[in-house]
Protein backbone atom coordinates (compact mmCIF):
# COMPACT_ATOMS: atom_id res chain seq x y z
CA MET A 1 228.96 75.65 -37.13
CA VAL A 2 232.23 76.83 -35.57
CA ALA A 3 232.65 76.44 -31.94
CA LEU A 4 233.26 79.71 -30.10
CA PRO A 5 234.82 80.30 -26.64
CA ASP A 6 232.41 81.27 -23.82
CA ARG A 7 233.90 84.80 -24.08
CA LEU A 8 235.61 86.63 -26.82
CA SER A 9 236.65 90.32 -27.31
CA MET A 10 235.60 92.73 -29.99
CA SER A 11 234.40 96.40 -30.27
CA ALA A 12 230.81 97.32 -29.90
CA GLU A 13 230.60 98.08 -33.63
CA GLU A 14 231.97 94.66 -34.51
CA TYR A 15 229.64 93.00 -32.01
CA LEU A 16 226.51 94.75 -33.34
CA ALA A 17 227.44 93.63 -36.97
CA TRP A 18 228.49 90.15 -35.89
CA GLU A 19 225.91 89.05 -33.37
CA PRO A 20 222.81 89.07 -35.65
CA THR A 21 224.50 86.56 -37.93
CA GLN A 22 224.93 84.06 -35.18
CA GLU A 23 222.71 81.10 -34.33
CA GLU A 24 223.06 81.60 -30.63
CA ARG A 25 222.61 84.93 -28.65
CA TYR A 26 225.48 86.80 -27.04
CA GLU A 27 225.44 89.74 -24.67
CA TYR A 28 228.15 92.48 -24.77
CA TRP A 29 229.86 93.43 -21.50
CA ASP A 30 232.58 96.21 -21.86
CA GLY A 31 234.33 94.64 -24.85
CA GLU A 32 233.63 91.03 -24.00
CA VAL A 33 231.05 88.95 -25.95
CA VAL A 34 229.34 86.52 -23.52
CA ALA A 35 227.38 83.47 -24.73
CA MET A 36 223.94 83.29 -23.30
CA SER A 37 223.00 79.99 -21.67
CA GLY A 38 220.00 77.98 -22.62
CA GLY A 39 216.83 78.07 -20.56
CA THR A 40 214.54 75.38 -19.28
CA ARG A 41 211.06 74.58 -20.63
CA ASN A 42 209.49 76.27 -17.59
CA HIS A 43 211.66 79.38 -18.11
CA ASN A 44 210.54 79.50 -21.67
CA ARG A 45 206.98 78.90 -20.84
CA ILE A 46 206.90 81.70 -18.25
CA SER A 47 208.66 84.18 -20.64
CA GLY A 48 206.20 83.21 -23.32
CA ASN A 49 203.09 83.57 -21.04
CA PHE A 50 204.27 86.97 -19.90
CA PHE A 51 204.89 88.16 -23.51
CA ARG A 52 201.64 86.77 -24.81
CA ILE A 53 199.62 88.55 -22.06
CA LEU A 54 201.49 91.89 -22.77
CA ASP A 55 201.28 91.48 -26.49
CA ASP A 56 197.52 90.87 -26.44
CA ALA A 57 196.86 93.74 -24.01
CA LEU A 58 199.13 96.31 -25.81
CA VAL A 59 198.02 95.63 -29.43
CA ASP A 60 196.15 99.00 -29.71
CA ARG A 61 198.48 100.99 -27.54
CA PRO A 62 201.77 102.76 -28.37
CA CYS A 63 203.81 100.26 -26.38
CA GLU A 64 205.56 97.30 -27.96
CA PRO A 65 206.64 94.11 -26.02
CA TYR A 66 209.60 92.02 -27.19
CA ILE A 67 210.75 88.59 -26.09
CA VAL A 68 214.16 86.88 -25.89
CA ASP A 69 215.70 87.98 -29.19
CA VAL A 70 215.73 91.71 -28.84
CA LYS A 71 218.52 93.19 -26.88
CA VAL A 72 218.63 96.36 -24.70
CA GLN A 73 221.34 98.84 -25.24
CA VAL A 74 222.25 99.57 -21.58
CA GLU A 75 225.39 101.71 -22.28
CA THR A 76 226.20 102.74 -25.80
CA GLY A 77 229.34 100.88 -26.91
CA GLN A 78 229.62 99.25 -23.63
CA LYS A 79 226.79 96.97 -22.58
CA TYR A 80 224.00 95.18 -24.51
CA PHE A 81 221.79 92.65 -22.58
CA TYR A 82 218.98 90.31 -23.51
CA PRO A 83 216.12 90.55 -20.99
CA ASP A 84 213.54 87.83 -21.21
CA VAL A 85 210.76 90.36 -21.95
CA VAL A 86 211.09 94.14 -22.52
CA VAL A 87 208.47 96.73 -23.23
CA THR A 88 209.11 100.10 -24.86
CA CYS A 89 206.54 102.97 -25.03
CA ASP A 90 208.87 105.51 -26.45
CA ASP A 91 208.65 106.55 -30.04
CA ARG A 92 212.42 107.21 -30.15
CA ASP A 93 212.84 103.41 -30.06
CA ASN A 94 213.21 102.73 -33.81
CA ASP A 95 216.39 100.64 -34.07
CA PRO A 96 215.47 97.25 -35.62
CA GLN A 97 218.18 95.47 -33.45
CA LEU A 98 217.61 96.93 -30.03
CA VAL A 99 215.58 98.81 -27.41
CA GLN A 100 217.11 102.05 -26.02
CA PHE A 101 214.24 103.40 -23.96
CA PRO A 102 212.56 100.56 -22.04
CA SER A 103 209.65 101.25 -19.63
CA LEU A 104 209.26 97.63 -18.32
CA ILE A 105 211.84 94.85 -18.08
CA ILE A 106 211.10 91.33 -17.01
CA GLU A 107 213.66 88.70 -16.10
CA VAL A 108 212.64 85.06 -15.44
CA LEU A 109 215.21 83.81 -12.93
CA SER A 110 217.28 80.66 -13.34
CA PRO A 111 220.02 79.44 -10.83
CA SER A 112 222.76 80.34 -13.31
CA THR A 113 221.58 83.91 -13.90
CA GLU A 114 219.67 85.03 -10.70
CA ALA A 115 222.62 86.71 -9.03
CA VAL A 116 223.44 88.73 -12.16
CA ASP A 117 219.82 89.62 -12.77
CA ARG A 118 219.41 90.87 -9.20
CA GLY A 119 222.81 92.46 -9.10
CA ILE A 120 224.81 94.10 -11.87
CA GLN A 121 221.98 94.01 -14.56
CA PHE A 122 219.46 95.61 -12.24
CA ALA A 123 222.10 98.27 -11.27
CA LYS A 124 222.58 99.03 -14.89
CA TYR A 125 218.89 98.91 -15.82
CA ARG A 126 218.18 101.51 -13.06
CA GLN A 127 220.18 104.04 -15.07
CA PHE A 128 217.49 104.12 -17.65
CA SER A 129 215.34 107.31 -17.07
CA THR A 130 212.46 105.60 -18.99
CA LEU A 131 212.46 102.42 -17.02
CA GLN A 132 209.49 102.38 -14.57
CA GLU A 133 209.31 98.73 -13.44
CA TYR A 134 211.57 95.73 -13.28
CA VAL A 135 210.04 92.39 -12.62
CA LEU A 136 211.78 89.15 -11.43
CA VAL A 137 209.87 85.83 -11.91
CA GLN A 138 210.80 82.72 -10.01
CA VAL A 139 210.85 79.44 -11.97
CA GLU A 140 211.36 76.85 -9.13
CA GLN A 141 208.41 78.01 -7.13
CA PRO A 142 205.60 80.55 -7.74
CA GLY A 143 206.77 84.08 -6.78
CA VAL A 144 207.15 87.39 -8.46
CA GLU A 145 209.02 90.53 -7.26
CA MET A 146 208.42 93.87 -8.80
CA PHE A 147 210.63 96.92 -8.37
CA ARG A 148 208.88 100.12 -9.23
CA ARG A 149 210.46 103.57 -9.36
CA ASN A 150 208.51 105.98 -7.17
CA GLN A 151 208.06 109.72 -7.61
CA GLN A 152 211.17 110.34 -5.50
CA GLY A 153 213.26 108.10 -7.89
CA GLN A 154 213.60 105.31 -5.37
CA TRP A 155 212.94 101.66 -6.30
CA VAL A 156 210.27 100.06 -4.16
CA LEU A 157 209.85 96.29 -3.93
CA SER A 158 206.54 94.47 -3.99
CA GLU A 159 206.19 90.71 -3.73
CA TYR A 160 203.39 88.58 -5.24
CA GLY A 161 202.26 84.96 -4.83
CA LEU A 162 200.20 82.60 -6.98
CA GLY A 163 196.84 83.97 -5.82
CA ASP A 164 197.67 87.62 -6.34
CA SER A 165 197.59 89.96 -9.26
CA LEU A 166 200.44 92.12 -10.49
CA GLN A 167 199.52 95.74 -11.35
CA LEU A 168 201.91 97.12 -13.97
CA GLU A 169 201.59 100.89 -13.95
CA SER A 170 204.07 101.22 -16.74
CA VAL A 171 201.63 99.75 -19.20
CA ASN A 172 198.40 100.14 -17.14
CA LEU A 173 197.70 96.49 -16.89
CA GLU A 174 196.80 94.04 -14.21
CA ILE A 175 197.96 90.51 -14.62
CA ALA A 176 196.96 87.36 -12.42
CA ILE A 177 200.18 85.73 -11.21
CA ALA A 178 198.51 82.35 -11.90
CA ASP A 179 198.35 83.30 -15.66
CA LEU A 180 202.19 83.73 -15.78
CA TYR A 181 202.49 80.22 -14.33
CA ARG A 182 199.94 78.65 -16.80
CA GLN A 183 201.02 75.15 -17.73
CA ILE A 184 203.97 75.11 -15.19
CA GLN A 185 204.36 72.07 -12.91
CA PHE A 186 206.32 72.64 -9.75
CA SER A 187 208.11 69.78 -7.92
């Protein structure tokens, strides 16, 4: 395997052809290819728990959840991100490499990505007219924040603890927060 710098430049077309051939995942930010950092076991477990719950619940519905290896086209030719979990309920989403019309995006926070997940990525995700909910899940301690777009187009924050249930209107599903943290040990 050839070592690559943390960032390299290429066109979006080159990125979309090159990236699927790589062993690691890379996001695309305005011409720069950015290596994705590895996650912890707890990060992986929480992402997997969320995906499993969604996948089981949506099996007979027109919504499709994806985990980790499916990127979201945020701005054509400009930005392609890898959320931890993404759900699309839009039949226009038929590209085998990416999601263009997400209804739900979940990010499991880590110290190295939390500022980006809360900041620039959420700002970019809010531009999707199809996105209804954005969920941030803590890893270091139990806690979930959900931003939901209301009828006026404003994003409203709701916070949840270990004993609560998360109502996802985008996919008409209620999830116990404790189920997201199944098999997680906190220090």
